[in-house]
């Protein structure tokens, strides 16, 4: 039984040590510059929002919600990628958020 295990381990180790095709690439790896800009949340404009949304609205940057925000019939709320949304603390523990 031990001979069978040794043969299995030997075969496995030989097949696991195959040559990697990616390592033989003729094109060298190079670091390329990127144009991405990294910003923090503190650098984004802060917009305070309260009440109902009755017309088409787009949010971006930092949105600070004060109370319950309702999107009324016929209105569309678009939230752009990278938008940071936070709720203003409420002393009365009333519901806050978007409905």
PDB file of N, CA and C in Angstrom:
ATOM      1  N   UNK A   1       0.812  -1.186   0.000  1.00  0.00           N
ATOM      2  CA  UNK A   1       0.000   0.000   0.000  1.00  0.00           C
ATOM      3  C   UNK A   1       0.863   1.261   0.000  1.00  0.00           C
ATOM      4  N   UNK A   2       1.999   1.233   0.763  1.00  0.00           N
ATOM      5  CA  UNK A   2       2.884   2.389   0.815  1.00  0.00           C
ATOM      6  C   UNK A   2       3.533   2.645  -0.539  1.00  0.00           C
ATOM      7  N   UNK A   3       3.845   1.575  -1.279  1.00  0.00           N
ATOM      8  CA  UNK A   3       4.439   1.737  -2.600  1.00  0.00           C
ATOM      9  C   UNK A   3       3.469   2.440  -3.537  1.00  0.00           C
ATOM     10  N   UNK A   4       2.205   2.095  -3.441  1.00  0.00           N
ATOM     11  CA  UNK A   4       1.177   2.713  -4.280  1.00  0.00           C
ATOM     12  C   UNK A   4       1.035   4.200  -3.952  1.00  0.00           C
ATOM     13  N   UNK A   5       1.108   4.547  -2.680  1.00  0.00           N
ATOM     14  CA  UNK A   5       1.021   5.947  -2.284  1.00  0.00           C
ATOM     15  C   UNK A   5       2.237   6.726  -2.782  1.00  0.00           C
ATOM     16  N   UNK A   6       3.424   6.128  -2.667  1.00  0.00           N
ATOM     17  CA  UNK A   6       4.631   6.799  -3.142  1.00  0.00           C
ATOM     18  C   UNK A   6       4.598   7.015  -4.647  1.00  0.00           C
ATOM     19  N   UNK A   7       4.121   6.029  -5.382  1.00  0.00           N
ATOM     20  CA  UNK A   7       4.013   6.166  -6.839  1.00  0.00           C
ATOM     21  C   UNK A   7       3.020   7.281  -7.184  1.00  0.00           C
ATOM     22  N   UNK A   8       1.894   7.316  -6.463  1.00  0.00           N
ATOM     23  CA  UNK A   8       0.895   8.360  -6.704  1.00  0.00           C
ATOM     24  C   UNK A   8       1.442   9.746  -6.413  1.00  0.00           C
ATOM     25  N   UNK A   9       2.166   9.886  -5.320  1.00  0.00           N
ATOM     26  CA  UNK A   9       2.749  11.182  -4.969  1.00  0.00           C
ATOM     27  C   UNK A   9       3.796  11.592  -5.999  1.00  0.00           C
ATOM     28  N   UNK A  10       4.616  10.639  -6.442  1.00  0.00           N
ATOM     29  CA  UNK A  10       5.640  10.938  -7.445  1.00  0.00           C
ATOM     30  C   UNK A  10       5.001  11.385  -8.760  1.00  0.00           C
ATOM     31  N   UNK A  11       3.962  10.682  -9.204  1.00  0.00           N
ATOM     32  CA  UNK A  11       3.290  11.068 -10.452  1.00  0.00           C
ATOM     33  C   UNK A  11       2.637  12.436 -10.321  1.00  0.00           C
ATOM     34  N   UNK A  12       2.010  12.687  -9.191  1.00  0.00           N
ATOM     35  CA  UNK A  12       1.355  13.968  -8.970  1.00  0.00           C
ATOM     36  C   UNK A  12       2.368  15.110  -8.992  1.00  0.00           C
ATOM     37  N   UNK A  13       3.505  14.906  -8.323  1.00  0.00           N
ATOM     38  CA  UNK A  13       4.497  15.978  -8.264  1.00  0.00           C
ATOM     39  C   UNK A  13       5.140  16.221  -9.627  1.00  0.00           C
ATOM     40  N   UNK A  14       5.278  15.182 -10.435  1.00  0.00           N
ATOM     41  CA  UNK A  14       5.845  15.375 -11.770  1.00  0.00           C
ATOM     42  C   UNK A  14       4.879  16.108 -12.694  1.00  0.00           C
ATOM     43  N   UNK A  15       3.614  15.806 -12.591  1.00  0.00           N
ATOM     44  CA  UNK A  15       2.652  16.491 -13.452  1.00  0.00           C
ATOM     45  C   UNK A  15       2.389  17.915 -12.977  1.00  0.00           C
ATOM     46  N   UNK A  16       2.580  18.199 -11.696  1.00  0.00           N
ATOM     47  CA  UNK A  16       2.348  19.545 -11.167  1.00  0.00           C
ATOM     48  C   UNK A  16       3.486  20.484 -11.520  1.00  0.00           C
ATOM     49  N   UNK A  17       4.614  19.976 -11.965  1.00  0.00           N
ATOM     50  CA  UNK A  17       5.779  20.808 -12.261  1.00  0.00           C
ATOM     51  C   UNK A  17       5.929  21.052 -13.759  1.00  0.00           C
ATOM     52  N   UNK A  18       4.830  21.215 -14.449  1.00  0.00           N
ATOM     53  CA  UNK A  18       4.913  21.486 -15.874  1.00  0.00           C
ATOM     54  C   UNK A  18       5.352  22.921 -16.111  1.00  0.00           C
ATOM     55  N   UNK A  19       5.875  23.159 -17.289  1.00  0.00           N
ATOM     56  CA  UNK A  19       6.351  24.472 -17.664  1.00  0.00           C
ATOM     57  C   UNK A  19       5.163  25.418 -17.829  1.00  0.00           C
ATOM     58  N   UNK A  20       5.280  26.625 -17.324  1.00  0.00           N
ATOM     59  CA  UNK A  20       4.211  27.617 -17.403  1.00  0.00           C
ATOM     60  C   UNK A  20       4.355  28.408 -18.696  1.00  0.00           C
ATOM     61  N   UNK A  21       3.317  28.388 -19.525  1.00  0.00           N
ATOM     62  CA  UNK A  21       3.364  29.103 -20.803  1.00  0.00           C
ATOM     63  C   UNK A  21       3.467  30.616 -20.611  1.00  0.00           C
ATOM     64  N   UNK A  22       2.877  31.141 -19.549  1.00  0.00           N
ATOM     65  CA  UNK A  22       2.905  32.585 -19.340  1.00  0.00           C
ATOM     66  C   UNK A  22       4.301  33.078 -19.006  1.00  0.00           C
ATOM     67  N   UNK A  23       5.105  32.249 -18.360  1.00  0.00           N
ATOM     68  CA  UNK A  23       6.450  32.663 -17.982  1.00  0.00           C
ATOM     69  C   UNK A  23       7.363  32.772 -19.203  1.00  0.00           C
ATOM     70  N   UNK A  24       7.017  32.126 -20.302  1.00  0.00           N
ATOM     71  CA  UNK A  24       7.844  32.150 -21.509  1.00  0.00           C
ATOM     72  C   UNK A  24       7.422  33.235 -22.487  1.00  0.00           C
ATOM     73  N   UNK A  25       6.600  34.159 -22.060  1.00  0.00           N
ATOM     74  CA  UNK A  25       6.115  35.206 -22.954  1.00  0.00           C
ATOM     75  C   UNK A  25       7.291  36.023 -23.470  1.00  0.00           C
ATOM     76  N   UNK A  26       7.276  36.351 -24.758  1.00  0.00           N
ATOM     77  CA  UNK A  26       8.374  37.126 -25.340  1.00  0.00           C
ATOM     78  C   UNK A  26       8.257  38.608 -24.999  1.00  0.00           C
ATOM     79  N   UNK A  27       7.048  39.076 -24.639  1.00  0.00           N
ATOM     80  CA  UNK A  27       6.872  40.484 -24.278  1.00  0.00           C
ATOM     81  C   UNK A  27       7.153  40.663 -22.790  1.00  0.00           C
ATOM     82  N   UNK A  28       8.069  41.544 -22.439  1.00  0.00           N
ATOM     83  CA  UNK A  28       8.372  41.742 -21.018  1.00  0.00           C
ATOM     84  C   UNK A  28       7.221  42.473 -20.318  1.00  0.00           C
ATOM     85  N   UNK A  29       7.089  42.208 -19.038  1.00  0.00           N
ATOM     86  CA  UNK A  29       6.063  42.878 -18.244  1.00  0.00           C
ATOM     87  C   UNK A  29       6.529  44.290 -17.942  1.00  0.00           C
ATOM     88  N   UNK A  30       5.667  45.255 -18.176  1.00  0.00           N
ATOM     89  CA  UNK A  30       6.012  46.643 -17.900  1.00  0.00           C
ATOM     90  C   UNK A  30       4.893  47.295 -17.103  1.00  0.00           C
ATOM     91  N   UNK A  31       5.268  48.143 -16.189  1.00  0.00           N
ATOM     92  CA  UNK A  31       4.290  48.947 -15.461  1.00  0.00           C
ATOM     93  C   UNK A  31       3.874  50.093 -16.374  1.00  0.00           C
ATOM     94  N   UNK A  32       2.583  50.312 -16.491  1.00  0.00           N
ATOM     95  CA  UNK A  32       2.094  51.385 -17.342  1.00  0.00           C
ATOM     96  C   UNK A  32       1.399  52.432 -16.481  1.00  0.00           C
ATOM     97  N   UNK A  33       1.581  53.714 -16.811  1.00  0.00           N
ATOM     98  CA  UNK A  33       0.927  54.749 -16.023  1.00  0.00           C
ATOM     99  C   UNK A  33      -0.580  54.721 -16.249  1.00  0.00           C
ATOM    100  N   UNK A  34      -1.299  55.204 -15.273  1.00  0.00           N
ATOM    101  CA  UNK A  34      -2.751  55.269 -15.384  1.00  0.00           C
ATOM    102  C   UNK A  34      -3.196  56.701 -15.157  1.00  0.00           C
ATOM    103  N   UNK A  35      -4.354  57.030 -15.687  1.00  0.00           N
ATOM    104  CA  UNK A  35      -4.852  58.390 -15.535  1.00  0.00           C
ATOM    105  C   UNK A  35      -5.922  58.485 -14.455  1.00  0.00           C
ATOM    106  N   UNK A  36      -6.110  57.414 -13.687  1.00  0.00           N
ATOM    107  CA  UNK A  36      -7.144  57.423 -12.650  1.00  0.00           C
ATOM    108  C   UNK A  36      -6.777  58.426 -11.565  1.00  0.00           C
ATOM    109  N   UNK A  37      -7.775  59.150 -11.120  1.00  0.00           N
ATOM    110  CA  UNK A  37      -7.576  60.098 -10.039  1.00  0.00           C
ATOM    111  C   UNK A  37      -8.204  59.522  -8.780  1.00  0.00           C
ATOM    112  N   UNK A  38      -7.453  59.548  -7.716  1.00  0.00           N
ATOM    113  CA  UNK A  38      -7.956  59.027  -6.458  1.00  0.00           C
ATOM    114  C   UNK A  38      -8.296  60.197  -5.548  1.00  0.00           C
ATOM    115  N   UNK A  39      -9.543  60.225  -5.104  1.00  0.00           N
ATOM    116  CA  UNK A  39      -9.963  61.283  -4.198  1.00  0.00           C
ATOM    117  C   UNK A  39     -10.599  60.634  -2.981  1.00  0.00           C
ATOM    118  N   UNK A  40     -10.642  61.370  -1.913  1.00  0.00           N
ATOM    119  CA  UNK A  40     -11.285  60.860  -0.714  1.00  0.00           C
ATOM    120  C   UNK A  40     -12.651  61.503  -0.577  1.00  0.00           C
ATOM    121  N   UNK A  41     -13.483  60.907   0.265  1.00  0.00           N
ATOM    122  CA  UNK A  41     -14.830  61.420   0.468  1.00  0.00           C
ATOM    123  C   UNK A  41     -14.787  62.853   0.972  1.00  0.00           C
ATOM    124  N   UNK A  42     -13.793  63.192   1.769  1.00  0.00           N
ATOM    125  CA  UNK A  42     -13.718  64.543   2.331  1.00  0.00           C
ATOM    126  C   UNK A  42     -13.494  65.605   1.264  1.00  0.00           C
ATOM    127  N   UNK A  43     -13.030  65.218   0.079  1.00  0.00           N
ATOM    128  CA  UNK A  43     -12.788  66.177  -0.998  1.00  0.00           C
ATOM    129  C   UNK A  43     -14.022  66.395  -1.878  1.00  0.00           C
ATOM    130  N   UNK A  44     -15.073  65.604  -1.680  1.00  0.00           N
ATOM    131  CA  UNK A  44     -16.272  65.725  -2.508  1.00  0.00           C
ATOM    132  C   UNK A  44     -17.210  66.777  -1.929  1.00  0.00           C
ATOM    133  N   UNK A  45     -18.014  67.426  -2.794  1.00  0.00           N
ATOM    134  CA  UNK A  45     -18.977  68.406  -2.281  1.00  0.00           C
ATOM    135  C   UNK A  45     -20.076  67.714  -1.474  1.00  0.00           C
ATOM    136  N   UNK A  46     -20.516  68.350  -0.389  1.00  0.00           N
ATOM    137  CA  UNK A  46     -21.574  67.804   0.454  1.00  0.00           C
ATOM    138  C   UNK A  46     -22.875  68.531   0.117  1.00  0.00           C
ATOM    139  N   UNK A  47     -23.921  67.736  -0.182  1.00  0.00           N
ATOM    140  CA  UNK A  47     -25.232  68.291  -0.484  1.00  0.00           C
ATOM    141  C   UNK A  47     -26.216  67.789   0.557  1.00  0.00           C
ATOM    142  N   UNK A  48     -26.871  68.718   1.260  1.00  0.00           N
ATOM    143  CA  UNK A  48     -27.887  68.354   2.243  1.00  0.00           C
ATOM    144  C   UNK A  48     -29.215  68.189   1.509  1.00  0.00           C
ATOM    145  N   UNK A  49     -29.911  67.083   1.794  1.00  0.00           N
ATOM    146  CA  UNK A  49     -31.182  66.784   1.119  1.00  0.00           C
ATOM    147  C   UNK A  49     -32.239  66.516   2.186  1.00  0.00           C
ATOM    148  N   UNK A  50     -33.426  67.101   2.000  1.00  0.00           N
ATOM    149  CA  UNK A  50     -34.551  66.828   2.889  1.00  0.00           C
ATOM    150  C   UNK A  50     -35.841  66.980   2.085  1.00  0.00           C
ATOM    151  N   UNK A  51     -36.918  66.399   2.584  1.00  0.00           N
ATOM    152  CA  UNK A  51     -38.208  66.524   1.919  1.00  0.00           C
ATOM    153  C   UNK A  51     -38.386  65.534   0.790  1.00  0.00           C
ATOM    154  N   UNK A  52     -39.442  65.771  -0.004  1.00  0.00           N
ATOM    155  CA  UNK A  52     -39.784  64.868  -1.094  1.00  0.00           C
ATOM    156  C   UNK A  52     -39.061  65.241  -2.378  1.00  0.00           C
ATOM    157  N   UNK A  53     -38.766  64.221  -3.189  1.00  0.00           N
ATOM    158  CA  UNK A  53     -38.207  64.435  -4.530  1.00  0.00           C
ATOM    159  C   UNK A  53     -39.376  64.360  -5.495  1.00  0.00           C
ATOM    160  N   UNK A  54     -39.700  65.482  -6.134  1.00  0.00           N
ATOM    161  CA  UNK A  54     -40.879  65.548  -7.007  1.00  0.00           C
ATOM    162  C   UNK A  54     -40.523  65.659  -8.482  1.00  0.00           C
ATOM    163  N   UNK A  55     -39.254  65.909  -8.792  1.00  0.00           N
ATOM    164  CA  UNK A  55     -38.822  65.966 -10.190  1.00  0.00           C
ATOM    165  C   UNK A  55     -37.559  65.124 -10.344  1.00  0.00           C
ATOM    166  N   UNK A  56     -37.172  64.847 -11.581  1.00  0.00           N
ATOM    167  CA  UNK A  56     -35.982  64.028 -11.832  1.00  0.00           C
ATOM    168  C   UNK A  56     -34.767  64.675 -11.174  1.00  0.00           C
ATOM    169  N   UNK A  57     -34.039  63.878 -10.400  1.00  0.00           N
ATOM    170  CA  UNK A  57     -32.914  64.385  -9.613  1.00  0.00           C
ATOM    171  C   UNK A  57     -31.737  63.434  -9.745  1.00  0.00           C
ATOM    172  N   UNK A  58     -30.523  63.992  -9.798  1.00  0.00           N
ATOM    173  CA  UNK A  58     -29.303  63.188  -9.849  1.00  0.00           C
ATOM    174  C   UNK A  58     -28.454  63.528  -8.635  1.00  0.00           C
ATOM    175  N   UNK A  59     -28.006  62.491  -7.926  1.00  0.00           N
ATOM    176  CA  UNK A  59     -27.143  62.677  -6.769  1.00  0.00           C
ATOM    177  C   UNK A  59     -25.718  62.300  -7.134  1.00  0.00           C
ATOM    178  N   UNK A  60     -24.767  63.090  -6.634  1.00  0.00           N
ATOM    179  CA  UNK A  60     -23.346  62.771  -6.772  1.00  0.00           C
ATOM    180  C   UNK A  60     -22.612  63.411  -5.605  1.00  0.00           C
ATOM    181  N   UNK A  61     -21.348  63.064  -5.429  1.00  0.00           N
ATOM    182  CA  UNK A  61     -20.585  63.609  -4.318  1.00  0.00           C
ATOM    183  C   UNK A  61     -20.992  62.954  -3.020  1.00  0.00           C
ATOM    184  N   UNK A  62     -21.200  63.772  -1.986  1.00  0.00           N
ATOM    185  CA  UNK A  62     -21.628  63.289  -0.685  1.00  0.00           C
ATOM    186  C   UNK A  62     -23.033  63.834  -0.437  1.00  0.00           C
ATOM    187  N   UNK A  63     -23.972  62.945  -0.195  1.00  0.00           N
ATOM    188  CA  UNK A  63     -25.354  63.324   0.073  1.00  0.00           C
ATOM    189  C   UNK A  63     -25.617  63.092   1.554  1.00  0.00           C
ATOM    190  N   UNK A  64     -26.059  64.138   2.247  1.00  0.00           N
ATOM    191  CA  UNK A  64     -26.424  64.011   3.653  1.00  0.00           C
ATOM    192  C   UNK A  64     -27.940  64.152   3.761  1.00  0.00           C
ATOM    193  N   UNK A  65     -28.610  63.032   4.053  1.00  0.00           N
ATOM    194  CA  UNK A  65     -30.066  63.026   4.144  1.00  0.00           C
ATOM    195  C   UNK A  65     -30.496  63.487   5.526  1.00  0.00           C
ATOM    196  N   UNK A  66     -31.487  64.365   5.541  1.00  0.00           N
ATOM    197  CA  UNK A  66     -32.033  64.859   6.792  1.00  0.00           C
ATOM    198  C   UNK A  66     -33.508  64.483   6.830  1.00  0.00           C
ATOM    199  N   UNK A  67     -33.850  63.456   7.584  1.00  0.00           N
ATOM    200  CA  UNK A  67     -35.228  62.979   7.647  1.00  0.00           C
ATOM    201  C   UNK A  67     -35.500  61.959   6.557  1.00  0.00           C
ATOM    202  N   UNK A  68     -36.788  61.712   6.322  1.00  0.00           N
ATOM    203  CA  UNK A  68     -37.197  60.740   5.314  1.00  0.00           C
ATOM    204  C   UNK A  68     -37.264  61.435   3.961  1.00  0.00           C
ATOM    205  N   UNK A  69     -36.650  60.827   2.967  1.00  0.00           N
ATOM    206  CA  UNK A  69     -36.666  61.344   1.597  1.00  0.00           C
ATOM    207  C   UNK A  69     -37.558  60.421   0.783  1.00  0.00           C
ATOM    208  N   UNK A  70     -38.602  60.964   0.185  1.00  0.00           N
ATOM    209  CA  UNK A  70     -39.521  60.158  -0.627  1.00  0.00           C
ATOM    210  C   UNK A  70     -39.401  60.584  -2.082  1.00  0.00           C
ATOM    211  N   UNK A  71     -39.294  59.589  -2.955  1.00  0.00           N
ATOM    212  CA  UNK A  71     -39.316  59.847  -4.396  1.00  0.00           C
ATOM    213  C   UNK A  71     -40.763  59.690  -4.836  1.00  0.00           C
ATOM    214  N   UNK A  72     -41.386  60.791  -5.200  1.00  0.00           N
ATOM    215  CA  UNK A  72     -42.807  60.796  -5.544  1.00  0.00           C
ATOM    216  C   UNK A  72     -43.042  60.245  -6.955  1.00  0.00           C
ATOM    217  N   UNK A  73     -44.293  59.845  -7.220  1.00  0.00           N
ATOM    218  CA  UNK A  73     -44.673  59.292  -8.530  1.00  0.00           C
ATOM    219  C   UNK A  73     -44.283  60.234  -9.661  1.00  0.00           C
ATOM    220  N   UNK A  74     -43.699  59.670 -10.701  1.00  0.00           N
ATOM    221  CA  UNK A  74     -43.300  60.449 -11.871  1.00  0.00           C
ATOM    222  C   UNK A  74     -41.890  61.004 -11.778  1.00  0.00           C
ATOM    223  N   UNK A  75     -41.291  60.973 -10.611  1.00  0.00           N
ATOM    224  CA  UNK A  75     -39.928  61.475 -10.437  1.00  0.00           C
ATOM    225  C   UNK A  75     -38.952  60.298 -10.480  1.00  0.00           C
ATOM    226  N   UNK A  76     -37.738  60.575 -10.928  1.00  0.00           N
ATOM    227  CA  UNK A  76     -36.687  59.562 -10.982  1.00  0.00           C
ATOM    228  C   UNK A  76     -35.481  60.066 -10.212  1.00  0.00           C
ATOM    229  N   UNK A  77     -34.953  59.230  -9.332  1.00  0.00           N
ATOM    230  CA  UNK A  77     -33.735  59.549  -8.600  1.00  0.00           C
ATOM    231  C   UNK A  77     -32.604  58.729  -9.198  1.00  0.00           C
ATOM    232  N   UNK A  78     -31.587  59.419  -9.722  1.00  0.00           N
ATOM    233  CA  UNK A  78     -30.411  58.762 -10.285  1.00  0.00           C
ATOM    234  C   UNK A  78     -29.243  59.016  -9.340  1.00  0.00           C
ATOM    235  N   UNK A  79     -28.579  57.947  -8.925  1.00  0.00           N
ATOM    236  CA  UNK A  79     -27.424  58.059  -8.039  1.00  0.00           C
ATOM    237  C   UNK A  79     -26.195  57.634  -8.835  1.00  0.00           C
ATOM    238  N   UNK A  80     -25.298  58.580  -9.066  1.00  0.00           N
ATOM    239  CA  UNK A  80     -24.111  58.310  -9.875  1.00  0.00           C
ATOM    240  C   UNK A  80     -23.126  57.417  -9.119  1.00  0.00           C
ATOM    241  N   UNK A  81     -22.345  56.623  -9.860  1.00  0.00           N
ATOM    242  CA  UNK A  81     -21.341  55.768  -9.215  1.00  0.00           C
ATOM    243  C   UNK A  81     -20.364  56.613  -8.395  1.00  0.00           C
ATOM    244  N   UNK A  82     -19.984  56.097  -7.237  1.00  0.00           N
ATOM    245  CA  UNK A  82     -19.046  56.799  -6.376  1.00  0.00           C
ATOM    246  C   UNK A  82     -19.706  57.767  -5.411  1.00  0.00           C
ATOM    247  N   UNK A  83     -21.031  57.854  -5.449  1.00  0.00           N
ATOM    248  CA  UNK A  83     -21.745  58.746  -4.542  1.00  0.00           C
ATOM    249  C   UNK A  83     -21.760  58.148  -3.148  1.00  0.00           C
ATOM    250  N   UNK A  84     -21.464  58.959  -2.157  1.00  0.00           N
ATOM    251  CA  UNK A  84     -21.456  58.535  -0.758  1.00  0.00           C
ATOM    252  C   UNK A  84     -22.712  59.111  -0.118  1.00  0.00           C
ATOM    253  N   UNK A  85     -23.565  58.240   0.431  1.00  0.00           N
ATOM    254  CA  UNK A  85     -24.838  58.668   1.015  1.00  0.00           C
ATOM    255  C   UNK A  85     -24.810  58.390   2.509  1.00  0.00           C
ATOM    256  N   UNK A  86     -25.125  59.419   3.283  1.00  0.00           N
ATOM    257  CA  UNK A  86     -25.173  59.243   4.729  1.00  0.00           C
ATOM    258  C   UNK A  86     -26.434  59.907   5.265  1.00  0.00           C
ATOM    259  N   UNK A  87     -26.906  59.429   6.405  1.00  0.00           N
ATOM    260  CA  UNK A  87     -28.092  59.998   7.038  1.00  0.00           C
ATOM    261  C   UNK A  87     -27.654  60.849   8.211  1.00  0.00           C
ATOM    262  N   UNK A  88     -28.249  62.026   8.322  1.00  0.00           N
ATOM    263  CA  UNK A  88     -27.951  62.914   9.446  1.00  0.00           C
ATOM    264  C   UNK A  88     -28.555  62.299  10.705  1.00  0.00           C
ATOM    265  N   UNK A  89     -27.797  62.253  11.779  1.00  0.00           N
ATOM    266  CA  UNK A  89     -28.335  61.677  13.020  1.00  0.00           C
ATOM    267  C   UNK A  89     -29.594  62.416  13.467  1.00  0.00           C
ATOM    268  N   UNK A  90     -30.544  61.662  13.977  1.00  0.00           N
ATOM    269  CA  UNK A  90     -31.804  62.230  14.409  1.00  0.00           C
ATOM    270  C   UNK A  90     -31.967  61.987  15.901  1.00  0.00           C
ATOM    271  N   UNK A  91     -32.154  63.051  16.661  1.00  0.00           N
ATOM    272  CA  UNK A  91     -32.257  62.944  18.115  1.00  0.00           C
ATOM    273  C   UNK A  91     -33.522  62.208  18.553  1.00  0.00           C
ATOM    274  N   UNK A  92     -34.591  62.249  17.750  1.00  0.00           N
ATOM    275  CA  UNK A  92     -35.860  61.622  18.116  1.00  0.00           C
ATOM    276  C   UNK A  92     -35.949  60.163  17.690  1.00  0.00           C
ATOM    277  N   UNK A  93     -34.928  59.640  17.069  1.00  0.00           N
ATOM    278  CA  UNK A  93     -34.910  58.275  16.558  1.00  0.00           C
ATOM    279  C   UNK A  93     -36.004  58.025  15.527  1.00  0.00           C
ATOM    280  N   UNK A  94     -36.410  59.073  14.805  1.00  0.00           N
ATOM    281  CA  UNK A  94     -37.373  58.922  13.710  1.00  0.00           C
ATOM    282  C   UNK A  94     -36.689  58.231  12.540  1.00  0.00           C
ATOM    283  N   UNK A  95     -37.513  57.653  11.678  1.00  0.00           N
ATOM    284  CA  UNK A  95     -36.970  56.968  10.506  1.00  0.00           C
ATOM    285  C   UNK A  95     -36.283  57.964   9.586  1.00  0.00           C
ATOM    286  N   UNK A  96     -35.142  57.559   9.030  1.00  0.00           N
ATOM    287  CA  UNK A  96     -34.473  58.362   8.015  1.00  0.00           C
ATOM    288  C   UNK A  96     -34.169  57.453   6.846  1.00  0.00           C
ATOM    289  N   UNK A  97     -34.072  58.011   5.675  1.00  0.00           N
ATOM    290  CA  UNK A  97     -33.761  57.209   4.494  1.00  0.00           C
ATOM    291  C   UNK A  97     -34.560  57.627   3.293  1.00  0.00           C
ATOM    292  N   UNK A  98     -34.518  56.802   2.274  1.00  0.00           N
ATOM    293  CA  UNK A  98     -35.227  57.062   1.024  1.00  0.00           C
ATOM    294  C   UNK A  98     -36.343  56.062   0.873  1.00  0.00           C
ATOM    295  N   UNK A  99     -37.545  56.525   0.538  1.00  0.00           N
ATOM    296  CA  UNK A  99     -38.675  55.652   0.275  1.00  0.00           C
ATOM    297  C   UNK A  99     -39.058  55.757  -1.152  1.00  0.00           C
TER     298      UNK A  99
END
